[in-house]
Amino acid sequence: MSAATKQEMATRYGPLGTGDRKLDIPALGQAVSLERVLTWLGIDFGDVAPIDGLQITDNRWAIRFYDRYDQSFYALEFGPSGHIVRELRAHLAEFSDDPEISRQFAAVMTVY
C-alpha cells in the first residue's frame, strides 16, 4: 500500500478516531457498539481493535479498525445486510511520519 491509501482513508472518512463509537444499523435493531458490528461482519478476531465508525448514506456504513497481526489500519464499507462493498488498508509504516497516531492509538497497537 502507498501513502495514497492513508490519504484516501483520511479524505473519505476523516482523521482516525474522529468517527462514532456506535453505529445505528437497522439489521441489528439498534445503535450497537463497534465490537458488535465487527462480530456481525465476521471480523471479531482477538487481534482486531475497533477505532471508529460512521454512516455514509442511508444504506452504507464504514468501520475502521486496527489489525495487530498485520499491523494495519482498515476501513470497511458495508451495506444493510453486512456485505462489504469497499476495503481500504494502510500499514502502520504509512503513519510513521505522524507521532500523533502512535500516541493516540498506542493501546490498540499493542501486540498481546
N, C-alpha and C. Protein backbone atom coordinates (compact mmCIF):
# COMPACT_ATOMS: atom_id res chain seq x y z
N MET A 1 0.84 -1.18 0.00
CA MET A 1 0.00 0.00 0.00
C MET A 1 0.88 1.24 0.00
N SER A 2 0.35 2.30 -0.47
CA SER A 2 1.12 3.55 -0.55
C SER A 2 0.54 4.58 0.40
N ALA A 3 1.26 5.67 0.54
CA ALA A 3 0.77 6.78 1.35
C ALA A 3 -0.54 7.32 0.79
N ALA A 4 -0.79 7.07 -0.48
CA ALA A 4 -2.05 7.49 -1.08
C ALA A 4 -3.23 6.80 -0.39
N THR A 5 -3.05 5.56 0.07
CA THR A 5 -4.12 4.85 0.77
C THR A 5 -4.43 5.54 2.09
N LYS A 6 -3.39 5.93 2.82
CA LYS A 6 -3.57 6.67 4.07
C LYS A 6 -4.35 7.95 3.81
N GLN A 7 -3.98 8.68 2.78
CA GLN A 7 -4.65 9.93 2.44
C GLN A 7 -6.09 9.68 2.00
N GLU A 8 -6.30 8.65 1.21
CA GLU A 8 -7.66 8.33 0.76
C GLU A 8 -8.55 8.00 1.95
N MET A 9 -8.01 7.23 2.90
CA MET A 9 -8.77 6.87 4.09
C MET A 9 -9.15 8.13 4.88
N ALA A 10 -8.21 9.04 5.05
CA ALA A 10 -8.47 10.27 5.80
C ALA A 10 -9.45 11.18 5.05
N THR A 11 -9.32 11.25 3.74
CA THR A 11 -10.20 12.10 2.95
C THR A 11 -11.63 11.57 2.98
N ARG A 12 -11.77 10.27 2.82
CA ARG A 12 -13.10 9.68 2.73
C ARG A 12 -13.80 9.58 4.08
N TYR A 13 -13.06 9.28 5.15
CA TYR A 13 -13.68 9.01 6.46
C TYR A 13 -13.27 9.98 7.56
N GLY A 14 -12.36 10.90 7.27
CA GLY A 14 -11.89 11.82 8.31
C GLY A 14 -10.68 11.23 9.02
N PRO A 15 -10.05 12.03 9.88
CA PRO A 15 -8.90 11.52 10.63
C PRO A 15 -9.27 10.31 11.49
N LEU A 16 -8.33 9.41 11.67
CA LEU A 16 -8.57 8.23 12.50
C LEU A 16 -9.07 8.65 13.88
N GLY A 17 -10.10 7.97 14.35
CA GLY A 17 -10.61 8.21 15.69
C GLY A 17 -11.65 9.30 15.80
N THR A 18 -12.03 9.93 14.70
CA THR A 18 -12.99 11.02 14.76
C THR A 18 -14.42 10.58 14.48
N GLY A 19 -14.62 9.32 14.18
CA GLY A 19 -15.96 8.81 13.91
C GLY A 19 -16.69 8.44 15.20
N ASP A 20 -17.77 7.72 15.05
CA ASP A 20 -18.63 7.33 16.17
C ASP A 20 -18.15 6.06 16.85
N ARG A 21 -18.56 5.86 18.10
CA ARG A 21 -18.25 4.64 18.84
C ARG A 21 -19.39 3.62 18.75
N LYS A 22 -20.53 4.05 18.19
CA LYS A 22 -21.68 3.17 17.97
C LYS A 22 -22.23 3.47 16.58
N LEU A 23 -22.86 2.46 15.98
CA LEU A 23 -23.50 2.64 14.68
C LEU A 23 -24.95 2.18 14.77
N ASP A 24 -25.84 2.91 14.15
CA ASP A 24 -27.25 2.56 14.10
C ASP A 24 -27.51 1.84 12.79
N ILE A 25 -27.58 0.51 12.87
CA ILE A 25 -27.75 -0.34 11.69
C ILE A 25 -29.08 -1.07 11.82
N PRO A 26 -30.04 -0.82 10.92
CA PRO A 26 -31.37 -1.42 11.04
C PRO A 26 -31.35 -2.95 11.20
N ALA A 27 -30.48 -3.65 10.51
CA ALA A 27 -30.43 -5.11 10.60
C ALA A 27 -30.09 -5.59 12.01
N LEU A 28 -29.43 -4.75 12.78
CA LEU A 28 -29.07 -5.11 14.15
C LEU A 28 -30.08 -4.57 15.15
N GLY A 29 -31.05 -3.77 14.67
CA GLY A 29 -32.16 -3.35 15.50
C GLY A 29 -31.95 -2.13 16.38
N GLN A 30 -30.75 -1.64 16.48
CA GLN A 30 -30.49 -0.51 17.37
C GLN A 30 -29.07 0.00 17.15
N ALA A 31 -28.74 1.08 17.85
CA ALA A 31 -27.35 1.56 17.83
C ALA A 31 -26.52 0.55 18.61
N VAL A 32 -25.47 0.04 17.97
CA VAL A 32 -24.67 -1.00 18.61
C VAL A 32 -23.20 -0.61 18.64
N SER A 33 -22.47 -1.25 19.52
CA SER A 33 -21.03 -0.99 19.66
C SER A 33 -20.28 -1.44 18.41
N LEU A 34 -19.12 -0.87 18.24
CA LEU A 34 -18.28 -1.27 17.11
C LEU A 34 -17.86 -2.73 17.23
N GLU A 35 -17.67 -3.20 18.45
CA GLU A 35 -17.33 -4.61 18.66
C GLU A 35 -18.44 -5.51 18.12
N ARG A 36 -19.69 -5.12 18.37
CA ARG A 36 -20.84 -5.90 17.88
C ARG A 36 -20.90 -5.86 16.35
N VAL A 37 -20.59 -4.71 15.76
CA VAL A 37 -20.58 -4.59 14.30
C VAL A 37 -19.51 -5.51 13.71
N LEU A 38 -18.32 -5.53 14.31
CA LEU A 38 -17.25 -6.42 13.82
C LEU A 38 -17.67 -7.88 13.92
N THR A 39 -18.35 -8.24 15.00
CA THR A 39 -18.84 -9.62 15.15
C THR A 39 -19.85 -9.93 14.05
N TRP A 40 -20.78 -9.02 13.81
CA TRP A 40 -21.79 -9.20 12.76
C TRP A 40 -21.14 -9.37 11.39
N LEU A 41 -20.05 -8.63 11.15
CA LEU A 41 -19.34 -8.73 9.87
C LEU A 41 -18.43 -9.95 9.80
N GLY A 42 -18.27 -10.67 10.91
CA GLY A 42 -17.40 -11.84 10.94
C GLY A 42 -15.93 -11.50 11.11
N ILE A 43 -15.66 -10.33 11.70
CA ILE A 43 -14.28 -9.87 11.88
C ILE A 43 -14.03 -9.64 13.37
N ASP A 44 -14.36 -10.62 14.17
CA ASP A 44 -14.25 -10.47 15.62
C ASP A 44 -13.08 -11.29 16.17
N PHE A 45 -11.92 -11.11 15.56
CA PHE A 45 -10.72 -11.83 15.98
C PHE A 45 -10.07 -11.09 17.14
N GLY A 46 -9.32 -11.79 17.94
CA GLY A 46 -8.67 -11.19 19.11
C GLY A 46 -7.63 -10.15 18.78
N ASP A 47 -7.12 -10.17 17.57
CA ASP A 47 -6.07 -9.20 17.22
C ASP A 47 -6.62 -7.98 16.49
N VAL A 48 -7.94 -7.80 16.51
CA VAL A 48 -8.58 -6.67 15.85
C VAL A 48 -9.13 -5.72 16.91
N ALA A 49 -8.83 -4.44 16.77
CA ALA A 49 -9.30 -3.42 17.72
C ALA A 49 -10.08 -2.35 16.97
N PRO A 50 -11.36 -2.16 17.29
CA PRO A 50 -12.15 -1.14 16.61
C PRO A 50 -11.65 0.26 16.94
N ILE A 51 -11.75 1.15 15.97
CA ILE A 51 -11.34 2.54 16.15
C ILE A 51 -12.55 3.46 16.11
N ASP A 52 -13.29 3.45 14.99
CA ASP A 52 -14.47 4.28 14.87
C ASP A 52 -15.33 3.80 13.72
N GLY A 53 -16.50 4.40 13.59
CA GLY A 53 -17.41 4.06 12.52
C GLY A 53 -18.21 5.28 12.11
N LEU A 54 -18.83 5.19 10.94
CA LEU A 54 -19.69 6.28 10.51
C LEU A 54 -20.71 5.78 9.50
N GLN A 55 -21.81 6.52 9.43
CA GLN A 55 -22.82 6.24 8.42
C GLN A 55 -22.52 7.14 7.24
N ILE A 56 -22.37 6.53 6.07
CA ILE A 56 -22.00 7.28 4.86
C ILE A 56 -23.24 7.74 4.12
N THR A 57 -24.20 6.83 3.96
CA THR A 57 -25.50 7.15 3.34
C THR A 57 -26.57 6.43 4.14
N ASP A 58 -27.82 6.49 3.68
CA ASP A 58 -28.90 5.78 4.38
C ASP A 58 -28.67 4.27 4.42
N ASN A 59 -27.93 3.75 3.43
CA ASN A 59 -27.74 2.30 3.32
C ASN A 59 -26.29 1.88 3.26
N ARG A 60 -25.38 2.71 3.77
CA ARG A 60 -23.97 2.34 3.76
C ARG A 60 -23.28 2.93 4.99
N TRP A 61 -22.46 2.06 5.59
CA TRP A 61 -21.69 2.43 6.78
C TRP A 61 -20.24 2.07 6.56
N ALA A 62 -19.39 2.60 7.42
CA ALA A 62 -17.98 2.25 7.40
C ALA A 62 -17.52 2.02 8.84
N ILE A 63 -16.59 1.11 8.99
CA ILE A 63 -15.97 0.88 10.29
C ILE A 63 -14.46 0.83 10.07
N ARG A 64 -13.73 1.44 10.98
CA ARG A 64 -12.28 1.39 10.91
C ARG A 64 -11.76 0.64 12.13
N PHE A 65 -10.74 -0.17 11.88
CA PHE A 65 -10.14 -0.94 12.97
C PHE A 65 -8.67 -1.15 12.69
N TYR A 66 -7.97 -1.56 13.73
CA TYR A 66 -6.54 -1.86 13.61
C TYR A 66 -6.37 -3.35 13.77
N ASP A 67 -5.63 -3.96 12.87
CA ASP A 67 -5.32 -5.39 12.94
C ASP A 67 -3.89 -5.53 13.44
N ARG A 68 -3.76 -6.01 14.67
CA ARG A 68 -2.43 -6.14 15.28
C ARG A 68 -1.56 -7.16 14.57
N TYR A 69 -2.18 -8.17 13.98
CA TYR A 69 -1.42 -9.23 13.32
C TYR A 69 -0.63 -8.70 12.13
N ASP A 70 -1.29 -7.93 11.27
CA ASP A 70 -0.55 -7.41 10.11
C ASP A 70 -0.21 -5.92 10.26
N GLN A 71 -0.44 -5.38 11.44
CA GLN A 71 -0.06 -4.00 11.78
C GLN A 71 -0.60 -3.00 10.76
N SER A 72 -1.90 -3.12 10.49
CA SER A 72 -2.53 -2.26 9.51
C SER A 72 -3.85 -1.69 10.02
N PHE A 73 -4.15 -0.49 9.56
CA PHE A 73 -5.45 0.12 9.79
C PHE A 73 -6.33 -0.23 8.60
N TYR A 74 -7.57 -0.61 8.88
CA TYR A 74 -8.53 -0.96 7.83
C TYR A 74 -9.74 -0.06 7.90
N ALA A 75 -10.34 0.20 6.77
CA ALA A 75 -11.65 0.83 6.67
C ALA A 75 -12.49 -0.07 5.78
N LEU A 76 -13.61 -0.52 6.31
CA LEU A 76 -14.53 -1.35 5.55
C LEU A 76 -15.85 -0.62 5.39
N GLU A 77 -16.33 -0.53 4.17
CA GLU A 77 -17.67 -0.02 3.91
C GLU A 77 -18.57 -1.21 3.68
N PHE A 78 -19.77 -1.14 4.22
CA PHE A 78 -20.70 -2.27 4.08
C PHE A 78 -22.12 -1.76 3.95
N GLY A 79 -22.95 -2.64 3.37
CA GLY A 79 -24.34 -2.32 3.15
C GLY A 79 -25.24 -2.84 4.26
N PRO A 80 -26.56 -2.70 4.09
CA PRO A 80 -27.51 -3.04 5.15
C PRO A 80 -27.55 -4.51 5.55
N SER A 81 -27.09 -5.39 4.68
CA SER A 81 -27.06 -6.81 5.04
C SER A 81 -25.68 -7.26 5.51
N GLY A 82 -24.75 -6.32 5.59
CA GLY A 82 -23.41 -6.65 6.06
C GLY A 82 -22.43 -7.02 4.96
N HIS A 83 -22.85 -6.92 3.71
CA HIS A 83 -21.94 -7.22 2.61
C HIS A 83 -20.92 -6.08 2.47
N ILE A 84 -19.67 -6.44 2.38
CA ILE A 84 -18.60 -5.44 2.28
C ILE A 84 -18.50 -4.98 0.84
N VAL A 85 -18.54 -3.67 0.65
CA VAL A 85 -18.52 -3.11 -0.70
C VAL A 85 -17.21 -2.38 -1.00
N ARG A 86 -16.43 -2.10 0.03
CA ARG A 86 -15.15 -1.42 -0.19
C ARG A 86 -14.24 -1.68 1.00
N GLU A 87 -12.95 -1.85 0.70
CA GLU A 87 -11.96 -2.04 1.76
C GLU A 87 -10.73 -1.21 1.45
N LEU A 88 -10.27 -0.49 2.45
CA LEU A 88 -9.00 0.23 2.36
C LEU A 88 -8.11 -0.27 3.48
N ARG A 89 -6.82 -0.39 3.20
CA ARG A 89 -5.86 -0.86 4.19
C ARG A 89 -4.62 0.02 4.11
N ALA A 90 -4.18 0.48 5.28
CA ALA A 90 -2.97 1.29 5.34
C ALA A 90 -2.07 0.72 6.43
N HIS A 91 -0.88 0.30 6.06
CA HIS A 91 0.06 -0.28 7.02
C HIS A 91 0.54 0.79 8.00
N LEU A 92 0.84 0.36 9.20
CA LEU A 92 1.32 1.26 10.24
C LEU A 92 2.50 2.10 9.77
N ALA A 93 3.36 1.54 8.94
CA ALA A 93 4.53 2.27 8.45
C ALA A 93 4.14 3.53 7.69
N GLU A 94 2.94 3.54 7.09
CA GLU A 94 2.47 4.72 6.37
C GLU A 94 2.22 5.90 7.31
N PHE A 95 2.10 5.60 8.61
CA PHE A 95 1.82 6.64 9.59
C PHE A 95 3.07 7.02 10.38
N SER A 96 4.24 6.53 9.96
CA SER A 96 5.47 6.76 10.72
C SER A 96 5.83 8.24 10.81
N ASP A 97 5.32 9.04 9.90
CA ASP A 97 5.60 10.48 9.94
C ASP A 97 4.62 11.24 10.82
N ASP A 98 3.73 10.52 11.50
CA ASP A 98 2.69 11.15 12.31
C ASP A 98 2.77 10.64 13.75
N PRO A 99 3.53 11.32 14.62
CA PRO A 99 3.67 10.86 16.01
C PRO A 99 2.35 10.86 16.78
N GLU A 100 1.40 11.66 16.34
CA GLU A 100 0.09 11.70 17.00
C GLU A 100 -0.62 10.35 16.89
N ILE A 101 -0.48 9.68 15.76
CA ILE A 101 -1.10 8.37 15.58
C ILE A 101 -0.54 7.39 16.61
N SER A 102 0.78 7.36 16.76
CA SER A 102 1.40 6.45 17.73
C SER A 102 0.91 6.75 19.14
N ARG A 103 0.81 8.02 19.48
CA ARG A 103 0.36 8.40 20.82
C ARG A 103 -1.11 8.05 21.02
N GLN A 104 -1.94 8.42 20.06
CA GLN A 104 -3.38 8.26 20.18
C GLN A 104 -3.82 6.79 20.18
N PHE A 105 -3.12 5.96 19.41
CA PHE A 105 -3.56 4.57 19.25
C PHE A 105 -2.59 3.56 19.86
N ALA A 106 -1.75 3.98 20.76
CA ALA A 106 -0.77 3.08 21.39
C ALA A 106 -1.45 1.87 22.01
N ALA A 107 -2.58 2.07 22.66
CA ALA A 107 -3.28 0.96 23.32
C ALA A 107 -3.77 -0.09 22.32
N VAL A 108 -4.31 0.34 21.19
CA VAL A 108 -4.83 -0.65 20.23
C VAL A 108 -3.70 -1.30 19.43
N MET A 109 -2.55 -0.64 19.35
CA MET A 109 -1.46 -1.19 18.56
C MET A 109 -0.60 -2.16 19.36
N THR A 110 -0.87 -2.30 20.64
CA THR A 110 -0.10 -3.21 21.47
C THR A 110 -0.38 -4.64 21.07
N VAL A 111 0.66 -5.40 20.82
CA VAL A 111 0.50 -6.81 20.47
C VAL A 111 0.39 -7.62 21.75
N TYR A 112 -0.58 -8.48 21.82
CA TYR A 112 -0.79 -9.30 23.02
C TYR A 112 0.16 -10.47 23.03
